[in-house]
Amino acid sequence: MAVILRMARHGTKKRPFYHIVAADSRHKRDGRFLEQLGSYDPLAATQLNVDAEKAKKWLAAGAQTSPVVKQLLKRAGVQ
């Protein structure tokens, strides 16, 4: 099973809100996930909340990151 850290889109039309999740790479973007690691709201002064311990645990276990999540984790000081 290939685990990837990526964003799942929530919110309404033109008001996006994202959850940062660890998911199996074969599942849909907004589908089933293994664990929620944080949230990101690009419209609210770029509010970012990440559970650093959970993210480090998944990265140590070999999880890959999507390009956007990689930037967000760097901004949060995890990577």
Protein backbone atom coordinates (compact mmCIF):
# COMPACT_ATOMS: atom_id res chain seq x y z
CA MET A 1 0.00 0.00 0.00
CA ALA A 2 1.47 3.35 -1.08
CA VAL A 3 0.63 6.10 1.40
CA ILE A 4 0.59 9.71 0.27
CA LEU A 5 0.09 12.89 2.27
CA ARG A 6 -2.30 15.08 0.28
CA MET A 7 -5.15 17.54 0.59
CA ALA A 8 -8.85 16.68 0.57
CA ARG A 9 -11.09 19.53 -0.58
CA HIS A 10 -14.10 20.56 1.49
CA GLY A 11 -16.21 23.69 1.64
CA THR A 12 -18.61 25.17 -0.84
CA LYS A 13 -18.26 26.45 -4.35
CA LYS A 14 -15.62 29.21 -4.51
CA ARG A 15 -14.98 28.83 -0.73
CA PRO A 16 -12.45 25.99 -0.51
CA PHE A 17 -11.22 24.49 2.73
CA TYR A 18 -8.73 21.64 2.80
CA HIS A 19 -7.90 18.81 5.18
CA ILE A 20 -4.36 17.45 5.07
CA VAL A 21 -4.70 13.67 5.18
CA ALA A 22 -2.67 10.48 4.91
CA ALA A 23 -4.37 8.30 2.31
CA ASP A 24 -3.80 5.27 0.14
CA SER A 25 -2.72 6.58 -3.27
CA ARG A 26 -5.34 4.41 -5.01
CA HIS A 27 -8.25 6.20 -3.32
CA LYS A 28 -10.06 9.27 -4.60
CA ARG A 29 -8.97 12.77 -3.61
CA ASP A 30 -11.90 13.34 -1.25
CA GLY A 31 -12.45 9.66 -0.49
CA ARG A 32 -11.34 7.35 2.25
CA PHE A 33 -8.23 8.31 4.20
CA LEU A 34 -6.14 6.74 6.96
CA GLU A 35 -5.64 9.73 9.26
CA GLN A 36 -6.28 13.46 9.28
CA LEU A 37 -3.12 15.49 9.95
CA GLY A 38 -4.36 19.05 9.82
CA SER A 39 -6.24 21.70 7.91
CA TYR A 40 -5.55 24.58 5.56
CA ASP A 41 -7.80 27.54 4.75
CA PRO A 42 -6.33 29.60 1.91
CA LEU A 43 -8.97 32.34 2.21
CA ALA A 44 -8.61 33.10 5.93
CA ALA A 45 -5.20 34.80 5.85
CA THR A 46 -3.69 31.41 4.90
CA GLN A 47 -4.48 29.70 8.17
CA LEU A 48 -2.55 26.44 8.50
CA ASN A 49 -2.90 23.87 11.30
CA VAL A 50 -0.72 20.74 11.21
CA ASP A 51 -0.18 18.05 13.83
CA ALA A 52 3.62 17.83 13.51
CA GLU A 53 3.95 14.55 15.41
CA LYS A 54 1.48 12.72 13.15
CA ALA A 55 3.11 14.14 10.02
CA LYS A 56 6.59 13.10 11.16
CA LYS A 57 5.29 9.62 12.00
CA TRP A 58 3.92 9.14 8.47
CA LEU A 59 7.05 10.57 6.83
CA ALA A 60 9.23 8.23 8.91
CA ALA A 61 7.03 5.31 7.79
CA GLY A 62 7.81 6.14 4.15
CA ALA A 63 4.80 8.19 3.09
CA GLN A 64 5.24 10.41 0.05
CA THR A 65 3.94 13.99 -0.11
CA SER A 66 2.13 15.83 -2.85
CA PRO A 67 3.94 18.98 -4.04
CA VAL A 68 1.51 21.35 -2.30
CA VAL A 69 1.56 19.46 0.99
CA LYS A 70 5.36 19.41 0.86
CA GLN A 71 5.35 23.23 0.71
CA LEU A 72 2.78 23.48 3.51
CA LEU A 73 4.77 21.14 5.78
CA LYS A 74 7.88 23.19 5.11
CA ARG A 75 5.97 26.35 6.04
CA ALA A 76 4.76 24.68 9.25
CA GLY A 77 8.32 23.65 10.13
CA VAL A 78 7.79 19.90 9.86
CA GLN A 79 10.15 19.15 6.96
